[in-house]
Amino acid sequence: MNSENKIPKALMLIEIPSTLRKYSIDELKEESIESSLKTWELHATPLYRMAINDKERLTLISKLRDIAIFDQPDYMYREFKNVLNLYSKGYWLATVSTTGAICEYLTKKYIPKKNDLQNFKVFGQKNRINELTEYLDEDERELLIKINEMRNDCLHLDVIDIEDLKERAIEITNYLIKLMKKISIKYFKRQT
């Protein structure tokens, strides 16, 4: 048997329920909606998801720092909560990715705006962190650098071992909690 005729070890096949295509979603009965979503969740759950049951989720939550964050823009607040949810459900890569997106928002938009840096256009997260050095305390700068490095390692697939990715997700989430607390206090004090 040559290599072109080999059957794959794993095959993903998700048949979208025909009712979703035949009818308007508004016309579906509640049980059809629930059944379709359960089927989707069963098939769409990432294979690298680790936290399966409530006890495992609570164990993950217990590894986080305490959270105390003052008033923040909706985007940051919503995505921060998203990171916590992704983390607690064991979606490691999504946790790391979303954390990186929050930090990019901080350096592209939030910190420049809070410091009246109009037309701040620096490309690359590392370059932005360096350009913002005078507006960051050493701890904020160090956290942004660590998060960026971890994000790059994970998203560029330098880290593919699932247990290593899990540990990185725990670490990066705690870094984000610490960073968000520091930045929210810093800019909340400026507003009052």
N, C-alpha and C. Protein backbone atom coordinates (compact mmCIF):
# COMPACT_ATOMS: atom_id res chain seq x y z
N MET A 1 0.85 -1.18 0.00
CA MET A 1 0.00 0.00 0.00
C MET A 1 0.89 1.24 0.00
N ASN A 2 0.73 2.12 -0.96
CA ASN A 2 1.55 3.33 -0.97
C ASN A 2 0.95 4.39 -0.04
N SER A 3 1.74 5.42 0.25
CA SER A 3 1.34 6.41 1.25
C SER A 3 0.10 7.21 0.85
N GLU A 4 -0.20 7.35 -0.44
CA GLU A 4 -1.38 8.11 -0.85
C GLU A 4 -2.68 7.39 -0.51
N ASN A 5 -2.64 6.09 -0.34
CA ASN A 5 -3.86 5.33 -0.09
C ASN A 5 -4.10 5.02 1.39
N LYS A 6 -3.24 5.53 2.27
CA LYS A 6 -3.41 5.26 3.70
C LYS A 6 -4.64 5.98 4.24
N ILE A 7 -5.32 5.31 5.13
CA ILE A 7 -6.47 5.92 5.81
C ILE A 7 -5.93 6.74 6.99
N PRO A 8 -6.41 7.97 7.16
CA PRO A 8 -5.91 8.78 8.27
C PRO A 8 -6.26 8.15 9.62
N LYS A 9 -5.38 8.38 10.60
CA LYS A 9 -5.61 7.84 11.94
C LYS A 9 -6.86 8.46 12.58
N ALA A 10 -7.07 9.73 12.30
CA ALA A 10 -8.23 10.42 12.86
C ALA A 10 -8.92 11.18 11.75
N LEU A 11 -10.21 11.16 11.78
CA LEU A 11 -11.00 11.85 10.78
C LEU A 11 -12.02 12.70 11.49
N MET A 12 -12.13 13.97 11.11
CA MET A 12 -13.16 14.81 11.69
C MET A 12 -14.26 14.96 10.65
N LEU A 13 -15.43 14.58 11.05
CA LEU A 13 -16.59 14.71 10.18
C LEU A 13 -17.73 15.22 11.04
N ILE A 14 -18.17 16.42 10.76
CA ILE A 14 -19.28 17.00 11.50
C ILE A 14 -20.37 17.32 10.50
N GLU A 15 -21.45 16.60 10.61
CA GLU A 15 -22.57 16.85 9.71
C GLU A 15 -23.46 17.90 10.36
N ILE A 16 -23.60 19.02 9.68
CA ILE A 16 -24.45 20.10 10.19
C ILE A 16 -25.90 19.63 10.09
N PRO A 17 -26.65 19.71 11.20
CA PRO A 17 -28.04 19.24 11.17
C PRO A 17 -28.83 19.89 10.03
N SER A 18 -29.53 19.08 9.30
CA SER A 18 -30.26 19.57 8.12
C SER A 18 -31.31 20.61 8.48
N THR A 19 -31.85 20.52 9.69
CA THR A 19 -32.87 21.50 10.11
C THR A 19 -32.30 22.92 10.12
N LEU A 20 -30.99 23.05 10.35
CA LEU A 20 -30.39 24.38 10.38
C LEU A 20 -30.34 25.00 8.98
N ARG A 21 -30.35 24.15 7.99
CA ARG A 21 -30.28 24.65 6.62
C ARG A 21 -31.67 24.74 5.96
N LYS A 22 -32.60 23.91 6.40
CA LYS A 22 -33.93 23.88 5.78
C LYS A 22 -34.85 24.97 6.30
N TYR A 23 -34.69 25.32 7.57
CA TYR A 23 -35.63 26.23 8.21
C TYR A 23 -34.91 27.49 8.70
N SER A 24 -35.70 28.50 8.92
CA SER A 24 -35.17 29.70 9.56
C SER A 24 -34.87 29.33 11.02
N ILE A 25 -33.81 29.83 11.53
CA ILE A 25 -33.44 29.54 12.93
C ILE A 25 -34.57 29.97 13.87
N ASP A 26 -35.24 31.05 13.54
CA ASP A 26 -36.35 31.53 14.37
C ASP A 26 -37.52 30.56 14.41
N GLU A 27 -37.64 29.69 13.41
CA GLU A 27 -38.74 28.73 13.33
C GLU A 27 -38.46 27.44 14.09
N LEU A 28 -37.23 27.21 14.51
CA LEU A 28 -36.87 25.95 15.17
C LEU A 28 -37.51 25.86 16.55
N LYS A 29 -37.86 24.64 16.90
CA LYS A 29 -38.40 24.38 18.24
C LYS A 29 -37.24 24.31 19.22
N GLU A 30 -37.55 24.57 20.47
CA GLU A 30 -36.52 24.62 21.52
C GLU A 30 -35.70 23.34 21.59
N GLU A 31 -36.36 22.18 21.50
CA GLU A 31 -35.63 20.91 21.59
C GLU A 31 -34.69 20.71 20.40
N SER A 32 -35.07 21.21 19.25
CA SER A 32 -34.21 21.12 18.07
C SER A 32 -32.98 22.03 18.24
N ILE A 33 -33.20 23.18 18.82
CA ILE A 33 -32.08 24.10 19.09
C ILE A 33 -31.10 23.46 20.07
N GLU A 34 -31.64 22.94 21.18
CA GLU A 34 -30.78 22.31 22.19
C GLU A 34 -30.03 21.11 21.62
N SER A 35 -30.71 20.27 20.86
CA SER A 35 -30.09 19.09 20.27
C SER A 35 -28.97 19.48 19.30
N SER A 36 -29.24 20.47 18.47
CA SER A 36 -28.23 20.92 17.51
C SER A 36 -27.00 21.48 18.21
N LEU A 37 -27.21 22.26 19.25
CA LEU A 37 -26.08 22.84 19.98
C LEU A 37 -25.29 21.78 20.74
N LYS A 38 -25.97 20.79 21.30
CA LYS A 38 -25.26 19.70 21.99
C LYS A 38 -24.39 18.93 21.01
N THR A 39 -24.92 18.66 19.84
CA THR A 39 -24.15 17.96 18.81
C THR A 39 -22.94 18.78 18.42
N TRP A 40 -23.15 20.07 18.21
CA TRP A 40 -22.05 20.95 17.83
C TRP A 40 -20.98 20.97 18.92
N GLU A 41 -21.38 21.14 20.17
CA GLU A 41 -20.42 21.18 21.29
C GLU A 41 -19.62 19.89 21.37
N LEU A 42 -20.29 18.77 21.18
CA LEU A 42 -19.61 17.48 21.24
C LEU A 42 -18.50 17.40 20.20
N HIS A 43 -18.79 17.84 19.00
CA HIS A 43 -17.83 17.72 17.91
C HIS A 43 -16.83 18.87 17.85
N ALA A 44 -17.22 20.04 18.31
CA ALA A 44 -16.38 21.22 18.13
C ALA A 44 -15.43 21.47 19.30
N THR A 45 -15.53 20.70 20.36
CA THR A 45 -14.64 20.88 21.49
C THR A 45 -13.22 20.52 21.07
N PRO A 46 -12.27 21.44 21.27
CA PRO A 46 -10.88 21.15 20.86
C PRO A 46 -10.32 19.92 21.56
N LEU A 47 -9.50 19.18 20.85
CA LEU A 47 -8.92 17.96 21.41
C LEU A 47 -7.98 18.25 22.56
N TYR A 48 -7.36 19.44 22.58
CA TYR A 48 -6.40 19.75 23.63
C TYR A 48 -7.06 20.26 24.89
N ARG A 49 -8.37 20.30 24.92
CA ARG A 49 -9.08 20.74 26.11
C ARG A 49 -8.77 19.77 27.24
N MET A 50 -8.35 20.29 28.37
CA MET A 50 -7.93 19.42 29.46
C MET A 50 -8.95 19.36 30.60
N ALA A 51 -9.49 20.50 31.00
CA ALA A 51 -10.40 20.50 32.15
C ALA A 51 -11.75 19.97 31.71
N ILE A 52 -12.14 18.85 32.28
CA ILE A 52 -13.36 18.21 31.82
C ILE A 52 -14.48 18.35 32.84
N ASN A 53 -14.17 18.16 34.08
CA ASN A 53 -15.25 18.19 35.06
C ASN A 53 -15.10 19.38 36.02
N ASP A 54 -16.12 19.56 36.84
CA ASP A 54 -16.17 20.71 37.73
C ASP A 54 -15.01 20.75 38.72
N LYS A 55 -14.60 19.59 39.23
CA LYS A 55 -13.49 19.56 40.18
C LYS A 55 -12.19 19.99 39.51
N GLU A 56 -11.99 19.54 38.29
CA GLU A 56 -10.78 19.96 37.56
C GLU A 56 -10.81 21.46 37.30
N ARG A 57 -11.99 22.00 36.95
CA ARG A 57 -12.11 23.45 36.74
C ARG A 57 -11.78 24.20 38.02
N LEU A 58 -12.31 23.72 39.14
CA LEU A 58 -12.04 24.39 40.42
C LEU A 58 -10.56 24.32 40.78
N THR A 59 -9.91 23.21 40.45
CA THR A 59 -8.47 23.08 40.68
C THR A 59 -7.72 24.13 39.88
N LEU A 60 -8.11 24.31 38.63
CA LEU A 60 -7.47 25.34 37.80
C LEU A 60 -7.71 26.73 38.36
N ILE A 61 -8.94 27.00 38.76
CA ILE A 61 -9.27 28.32 39.32
C ILE A 61 -8.46 28.59 40.58
N SER A 62 -8.22 27.56 41.37
CA SER A 62 -7.47 27.73 42.62
C SER A 62 -6.02 28.12 42.38
N LYS A 63 -5.52 27.93 41.16
CA LYS A 63 -4.14 28.27 40.84
C LYS A 63 -3.97 29.73 40.40
N LEU A 64 -5.08 30.47 40.35
CA LEU A 64 -5.02 31.86 39.93
C LEU A 64 -4.81 32.80 41.11
N ARG A 65 -4.23 33.95 40.80
CA ARG A 65 -4.09 35.03 41.78
C ARG A 65 -5.47 35.61 42.05
N ASP A 66 -5.60 36.32 43.17
CA ASP A 66 -6.84 37.06 43.41
C ASP A 66 -6.96 38.16 42.37
N ILE A 67 -8.18 38.49 42.02
CA ILE A 67 -8.43 39.46 40.94
C ILE A 67 -9.06 40.71 41.53
N ALA A 68 -8.43 41.85 41.26
CA ALA A 68 -8.96 43.15 41.69
C ALA A 68 -8.64 44.16 40.59
N ILE A 69 -9.66 44.49 39.81
CA ILE A 69 -9.45 45.38 38.67
C ILE A 69 -10.49 46.49 38.70
N PHE A 70 -10.01 47.71 38.55
CA PHE A 70 -10.90 48.86 38.51
C PHE A 70 -11.46 49.05 37.12
N ASP A 71 -12.32 50.03 36.99
CA ASP A 71 -13.01 50.37 35.76
C ASP A 71 -12.09 50.32 34.54
N GLN A 72 -12.50 49.56 33.54
CA GLN A 72 -11.73 49.39 32.31
C GLN A 72 -12.66 49.50 31.10
N PRO A 73 -12.11 49.77 29.93
CA PRO A 73 -12.96 49.79 28.72
C PRO A 73 -13.63 48.43 28.52
N ASP A 74 -14.80 48.47 27.89
CA ASP A 74 -15.58 47.25 27.68
C ASP A 74 -14.77 46.14 27.02
N TYR A 75 -13.99 46.49 25.98
CA TYR A 75 -13.23 45.48 25.27
C TYR A 75 -12.29 44.74 26.22
N MET A 76 -11.53 45.50 27.02
CA MET A 76 -10.56 44.86 27.93
C MET A 76 -11.27 44.02 28.98
N TYR A 77 -12.33 44.56 29.53
CA TYR A 77 -13.05 43.84 30.57
C TYR A 77 -13.65 42.55 30.01
N ARG A 78 -14.30 42.66 28.85
CA ARG A 78 -14.93 41.49 28.22
C ARG A 78 -13.89 40.42 27.86
N GLU A 79 -12.78 40.84 27.26
CA GLU A 79 -11.77 39.87 26.85
C GLU A 79 -11.02 39.29 28.05
N PHE A 80 -10.84 40.08 29.09
CA PHE A 80 -10.23 39.56 30.31
C PHE A 80 -11.11 38.45 30.90
N LYS A 81 -12.42 38.69 30.96
CA LYS A 81 -13.33 37.66 31.45
C LYS A 81 -13.30 36.44 30.52
N ASN A 82 -13.13 36.68 29.24
CA ASN A 82 -13.02 35.59 28.27
C ASN A 82 -11.79 34.74 28.56
N VAL A 83 -10.66 35.39 28.86
CA VAL A 83 -9.43 34.65 29.21
C VAL A 83 -9.69 33.76 30.42
N LEU A 84 -10.32 34.31 31.44
CA LEU A 84 -10.59 33.53 32.66
C LEU A 84 -11.48 32.33 32.35
N ASN A 85 -12.48 32.52 31.51
CA ASN A 85 -13.38 31.44 31.14
C ASN A 85 -12.66 30.37 30.31
N LEU A 86 -11.90 30.81 29.30
CA LEU A 86 -11.14 29.87 28.47
C LEU A 86 -10.17 29.06 29.33
N TYR A 87 -9.46 29.75 30.20
CA TYR A 87 -8.50 29.09 31.10
C TYR A 87 -9.20 28.05 31.97
N SER A 88 -10.30 28.44 32.59
CA SER A 88 -10.96 27.53 33.54
C SER A 88 -11.56 26.30 32.86
N LYS A 89 -11.74 26.37 31.54
CA LYS A 89 -12.26 25.23 30.80
C LYS A 89 -11.17 24.43 30.11
N GLY A 90 -9.92 24.87 30.26
CA GLY A 90 -8.80 24.12 29.71
C GLY A 90 -8.48 24.39 28.27
N TYR A 91 -8.89 25.52 27.75
CA TYR A 91 -8.56 25.89 26.38
C TYR A 91 -7.25 26.67 26.40
N TRP A 92 -6.15 25.95 26.45
CA TRP A 92 -4.85 26.55 26.71
C TRP A 92 -4.39 27.50 25.61
N LEU A 93 -4.44 27.07 24.38
CA LEU A 93 -3.96 27.90 23.28
C LEU A 93 -4.82 29.16 23.13
N ALA A 94 -6.12 29.02 23.28
CA ALA A 94 -7.02 30.18 23.20
C ALA A 94 -6.76 31.14 24.36
N THR A 95 -6.43 30.62 25.53
CA THR A 95 -6.09 31.46 26.68
C THR A 95 -4.88 32.31 26.36
N VAL A 96 -3.85 31.68 25.85
CA VAL A 96 -2.60 32.37 25.52
C VAL A 96 -2.84 33.40 24.42
N SER A 97 -3.57 33.01 23.40
CA SER A 97 -3.84 33.89 22.27
C SER A 97 -4.62 35.13 22.69
N THR A 98 -5.67 34.94 23.45
CA THR A 98 -6.50 36.07 23.88
C THR A 98 -5.74 36.98 24.83
N THR A 99 -4.90 36.41 25.68
CA THR A 99 -4.06 37.23 26.55
C THR A 99 -3.14 38.11 25.72
N GLY A 100 -2.55 37.54 24.69
CA GLY A 100 -1.70 38.31 23.79
C GLY A 100 -2.46 39.44 23.12
N ALA A 101 -3.70 39.18 22.72
CA ALA A 101 -4.53 40.21 22.08
C ALA A 101 -4.82 41.36 23.04
N ILE A 102 -5.08 41.05 24.30
CA ILE A 102 -5.33 42.09 25.30
C ILE A 102 -4.09 42.96 25.46
N CYS A 103 -2.94 42.34 25.55
CA CYS A 103 -1.70 43.09 25.73
C CYS A 103 -1.37 43.94 24.51
N GLU A 104 -1.68 43.45 23.34
CA GLU A 104 -1.48 44.27 22.14
C GLU A 104 -2.42 45.47 22.16
N TYR A 105 -3.64 45.28 22.60
CA TYR A 105 -4.57 46.40 22.73
C TYR A 105 -4.02 47.43 23.72
N LEU A 106 -3.48 46.93 24.83
CA LEU A 106 -2.89 47.84 25.83
C LEU A 106 -1.80 48.72 25.22
N THR A 107 -0.91 48.11 24.44
CA THR A 107 0.22 48.86 23.90
C THR A 107 -0.11 49.64 22.64
N LYS A 108 -1.10 49.20 21.88
CA LYS A 108 -1.46 49.91 20.65
C LYS A 108 -2.40 51.08 20.92
N LYS A 109 -3.36 50.86 21.80
CA LYS A 109 -4.44 51.83 21.97
C LYS A 109 -4.51 52.43 23.38
N TYR A 110 -4.62 51.56 24.37
CA TYR A 110 -4.98 52.02 25.72
C TYR A 110 -3.90 52.90 26.36
N ILE A 111 -2.69 52.40 26.47
CA ILE A 111 -1.62 53.16 27.13
C ILE A 111 -1.28 54.43 26.34
N PRO A 112 -1.15 54.35 25.01
CA PRO A 112 -0.90 55.59 24.27
C PRO A 112 -2.00 56.63 24.48
N LYS A 113 -3.27 56.20 24.45
CA LYS A 113 -4.39 57.13 24.63
C LYS A 113 -4.34 57.76 26.03
N LYS A 114 -4.10 56.94 27.04
CA LYS A 114 -4.06 57.43 28.42
C LYS A 114 -2.91 58.42 28.65
N ASN A 115 -1.89 58.35 27.79
CA ASN A 115 -0.73 59.24 27.93
C ASN A 115 -0.68 60.30 26.83
N ASP A 116 -1.83 60.52 26.17
CA ASP A 116 -1.95 61.55 25.12
C ASP A 116 -0.91 61.41 24.02
N LEU A 117 -0.63 60.18 23.63
CA LEU A 117 0.30 59.93 22.52
C LEU A 117 -0.51 59.77 21.24
N GLN A 118 -0.85 60.89 20.63
CA GLN A 118 -1.64 60.85 19.41
C GLN A 118 -0.78 60.33 18.26
N ASN A 119 -1.42 59.62 17.37
CA ASN A 119 -0.75 59.03 16.20
C ASN A 119 0.39 58.08 16.57
N PHE A 120 0.24 57.35 17.66
CA PHE A 120 1.23 56.36 18.06
C PHE A 120 1.08 55.15 17.15
N LYS A 121 2.02 54.97 16.26
CA LYS A 121 1.97 53.87 15.30
C LYS A 121 3.32 53.18 15.27
N VAL A 122 3.49 52.21 16.14
CA VAL A 122 4.72 51.43 16.19
C VAL A 122 4.32 49.99 15.92
N PHE A 123 5.03 49.35 14.99
CA PHE A 123 4.69 47.99 14.60
C PHE A 123 5.51 46.98 15.41
N GLY A 124 4.85 45.91 15.79
CA GLY A 124 5.49 44.85 16.57
C GLY A 124 5.36 45.10 18.06
N GLN A 125 4.88 44.11 18.77
CA GLN A 125 4.65 44.25 20.20
C GLN A 125 5.93 44.58 20.96
N LYS A 126 7.01 43.92 20.64
CA LYS A 126 8.28 44.18 21.32
C LYS A 126 8.70 45.65 21.12
N ASN A 127 8.55 46.15 19.91
CA ASN A 127 8.89 47.54 19.61
C ASN A 127 7.99 48.51 20.37
N ARG A 128 6.69 48.19 20.44
CA ARG A 128 5.76 49.07 21.17
C ARG A 128 6.12 49.11 22.65
N ILE A 129 6.43 47.97 23.22
CA ILE A 129 6.80 47.94 24.65
C ILE A 129 8.02 48.83 24.87
N ASN A 130 9.01 48.71 23.99
CA ASN A 130 10.23 49.53 24.12
C ASN A 130 9.92 51.02 23.96
N GLU A 131 9.05 51.37 23.03
CA GLU A 131 8.69 52.77 22.82
C GLU A 131 7.91 53.35 24.00
N LEU A 132 7.20 52.51 24.71
CA LEU A 132 6.37 52.97 25.84
C LEU A 132 7.09 52.89 27.18
N THR A 133 8.37 52.61 27.18
CA THR A 133 9.12 52.39 28.41
C THR A 133 8.92 53.50 29.44
N GLU A 134 8.92 54.75 29.01
CA GLU A 134 8.80 55.86 29.97
C GLU A 134 7.40 55.93 30.60
N TYR A 135 6.42 55.23 30.01
CA TYR A 135 5.06 55.25 30.54
C TYR A 135 4.72 54.00 31.33
N LEU A 136 5.65 53.07 31.41
CA LEU A 136 5.45 51.81 32.11
C LEU A 136 6.42 51.73 33.29
N ASP A 137 5.93 51.21 34.42
CA ASP A 137 6.91 50.94 35.48
C ASP A 137 7.62 49.63 35.12
N GLU A 138 8.66 49.31 35.82
CA GLU A 138 9.49 48.15 35.46
C GLU A 138 8.69 46.85 35.50
N ASP A 139 7.81 46.72 36.47
CA ASP A 139 7.00 45.51 36.59
C ASP A 139 6.03 45.37 35.42
N GLU A 140 5.38 46.47 35.02
CA GLU A 140 4.46 46.43 33.88
C GLU A 140 5.22 46.03 32.61
N ARG A 141 6.36 46.64 32.41
CA ARG A 141 7.18 46.36 31.22
C ARG A 141 7.60 44.88 31.21
N GLU A 142 8.06 44.39 32.35
CA GLU A 142 8.50 43.00 32.45
C GLU A 142 7.34 42.03 32.18
N LEU A 143 6.16 42.33 32.70
CA LEU A 143 4.99 41.47 32.47
C LEU A 143 4.60 41.46 30.99
N LEU A 144 4.60 42.63 30.36
CA LEU A 144 4.29 42.69 28.94
C LEU A 144 5.29 41.90 28.11
N ILE A 145 6.56 41.99 28.46
CA ILE A 145 7.60 41.24 27.74
C ILE A 145 7.41 39.73 27.92
N LYS A 146 7.18 39.30 29.17
CA LYS A 146 6.98 37.87 29.44
C LYS A 146 5.77 37.33 28.69
N ILE A 147 4.67 38.08 28.74
CA ILE A 147 3.45 37.63 28.05
C ILE A 147 3.71 37.54 26.55
N ASN A 148 4.37 38.54 25.98
CA ASN A 148 4.66 38.53 24.55
C ASN A 148 5.53 37.33 24.16
N GLU A 149 6.56 37.06 24.96
CA GLU A 149 7.44 35.93 24.66
C GLU A 149 6.71 34.60 24.75
N MET A 150 5.88 34.44 25.78
CA MET A 150 5.12 33.20 25.94
C MET A 150 4.11 33.04 24.81
N ARG A 151 3.45 34.12 24.47
CA ARG A 151 2.48 34.10 23.37
C ARG A 151 3.17 33.67 22.08
N ASN A 152 4.30 34.26 21.79
CA ASN A 152 5.03 33.91 20.56
C ASN A 152 5.46 32.45 20.57
N ASP A 153 5.96 31.98 21.69
CA ASP A 153 6.38 30.56 21.78
C ASP A 153 5.21 29.62 21.48
N CYS A 154 4.07 29.93 22.07
CA CYS A 154 2.92 29.03 21.93
C CYS A 154 2.26 29.15 20.56
N LEU A 155 2.08 30.37 20.07
CA LEU A 155 1.38 30.54 18.80
C LEU A 155 2.24 30.20 17.60
N HIS A 156 3.55 30.23 17.76
CA HIS A 156 4.42 29.82 16.67
C HIS A 156 4.85 28.36 16.83
N LEU A 157 4.12 27.67 17.70
CA LEU A 157 4.25 26.23 17.91
C LEU A 157 5.64 25.78 18.37
N ASP A 158 6.32 26.64 19.11
CA ASP A 158 7.55 26.20 19.77
C ASP A 158 7.20 25.33 20.97
N VAL A 159 5.97 25.50 21.48
CA VAL A 159 5.48 24.70 22.60
C VAL A 159 4.32 23.87 22.08
N ILE A 160 4.53 22.59 21.95
CA ILE A 160 3.43 21.74 21.48
C ILE A 160 3.08 20.64 22.47
N ASP A 161 3.88 20.46 23.49
CA ASP A 161 3.57 19.49 24.52
C ASP A 161 2.39 20.03 25.34
N ILE A 162 1.34 19.24 25.48
CA ILE A 162 0.11 19.70 26.11
C ILE A 162 0.31 20.11 27.56
N GLU A 163 1.12 19.38 28.31
CA GLU A 163 1.34 19.74 29.71
C GLU A 163 2.13 21.04 29.82
N ASP A 164 3.08 21.25 28.92
CA ASP A 164 3.83 22.50 28.90
C ASP A 164 2.90 23.66 28.54
N LEU A 165 2.03 23.44 27.57
CA LEU A 165 1.07 24.47 27.17
C LEU A 165 0.13 24.80 28.32
N LYS A 166 -0.28 23.80 29.07
CA LYS A 166 -1.13 24.02 30.24
C LYS A 166 -0.42 24.89 31.26
N GLU A 167 0.84 24.57 31.57
CA GLU A 167 1.60 25.35 32.54
C GLU A 167 1.79 26.79 32.05
N ARG A 168 2.02 26.95 30.76
CA ARG A 168 2.16 28.30 30.19
C ARG A 168 0.85 29.07 30.33
N ALA A 169 -0.27 28.39 30.11
CA ALA A 169 -1.58 29.05 30.23
C ALA A 169 -1.82 29.52 31.66
N ILE A 170 -1.46 28.69 32.63
CA ILE A 170 -1.61 29.08 34.04
C ILE A 170 -0.74 30.30 34.32
N GLU A 171 0.51 30.24 33.89
CA GLU A 171 1.46 31.32 34.13
C GLU A 171 1.03 32.62 33.44
N ILE A 172 0.65 32.55 32.18
CA ILE A 172 0.30 33.75 31.43
C ILE A 172 -0.98 34.39 31.98
N THR A 173 -1.92 33.57 32.44
CA THR A 173 -3.15 34.09 33.03
C THR A 173 -2.84 34.85 34.31
N ASN A 174 -1.96 34.31 35.13
CA ASN A 174 -1.56 35.02 36.35
C ASN A 174 -0.79 36.30 36.04
N TYR A 175 0.04 36.28 35.01
CA TYR A 175 0.72 37.50 34.59
C TYR A 175 -0.30 38.56 34.17
N LEU A 176 -1.30 38.13 33.42
CA LEU A 176 -2.32 39.07 32.96
C LEU A 176 -3.11 39.65 34.13
N ILE A 177 -3.47 38.82 35.09
CA ILE A 177 -4.19 39.31 36.27
C ILE A 177 -3.37 40.38 36.97
N LYS A 178 -2.10 40.12 37.16
CA LYS A 178 -1.22 41.08 37.82
C LYS A 178 -1.10 42.38 37.00
N LEU A 179 -0.91 42.24 35.70
CA LEU A 179 -0.78 43.40 34.82
C LEU A 179 -2.05 44.23 34.80
N MET A 180 -3.19 43.59 34.65
CA MET A 180 -4.47 44.31 34.61
C MET A 180 -4.71 45.06 35.92
N LYS A 181 -4.36 44.45 37.03
CA LYS A 181 -4.54 45.13 38.32
C LYS A 181 -3.67 46.38 38.38
N LYS A 182 -2.41 46.25 38.01
CA LYS A 182 -1.48 47.38 38.06
C LYS A 182 -1.94 48.52 37.14
N ILE A 183 -2.29 48.17 35.92
CA ILE A 183 -2.68 49.19 34.95
C ILE A 183 -4.01 49.82 35.33
N SER A 184 -4.94 49.03 35.81
CA SER A 184 -6.24 49.60 36.16
C SER A 184 -6.11 50.55 37.35
N ILE A 185 -5.28 50.19 38.32
CA ILE A 185 -5.07 51.09 39.47
C ILE A 185 -4.38 52.37 39.01
N LYS A 186 -3.36 52.22 38.20
CA LYS A 186 -2.58 53.36 37.71
C LYS A 186 -3.48 54.39 36.99
N TYR A 187 -4.28 53.93 36.06
CA TYR A 187 -5.08 54.86 35.28
C TYR A 187 -6.37 55.25 35.95
N PHE A 188 -6.86 54.42 36.87
CA PHE A 188 -8.05 54.79 37.65
C PHE A 188 -7.70 55.95 38.57
N LYS A 189 -6.52 55.89 39.18
CA LYS A 189 -6.07 56.98 40.06
C LYS A 189 -5.93 58.29 39.31
N ARG A 190 -5.49 58.21 38.06
CA ARG A 190 -5.34 59.42 37.24
C ARG A 190 -6.69 60.07 36.94
N GLN A 191 -7.75 59.25 36.85
CA GLN A 191 -9.07 59.77 36.52
C GLN A 191 -9.74 60.42 37.73
N THR A 192 -9.40 59.97 38.93
CA THR A 192 -10.08 60.49 40.14
C THR A 192 -9.40 61.70 40.71
